[in-house]
């Protein structure tokens, strides 16, 4: 019984001593992610102003889908949010997830 309590105590001490480092590492990683997102926001393709050829450069987007995105924008107006591109015929969830970090709707 004493051995069990000793092992449990050592486990708790180890866990508590590492806990601060884990939180610190997570905080640093979150800051890095925010910095990367800020840098990438300058390179995002704006669905409300991009040409067919610019949209076509996105992974998984061919000429037909790029043309449909521009036609949708011209017919129904600007995209209020980048996620709204999902309503365009041919844009699947999978394709959207592939490009979501590369597009914006300003």
Foldseek 3Di string as FASTA:
>chain_A
DVVVVVVVVVVVVVCVVCVVVVVVVVVVVVVVVVVVLVVLVVQAAALLDDALVVVCPQPPRHSVLSVQSVVCCVVPNFDPWPVVSCPGPPRDPVSCVSCVSRHTHD
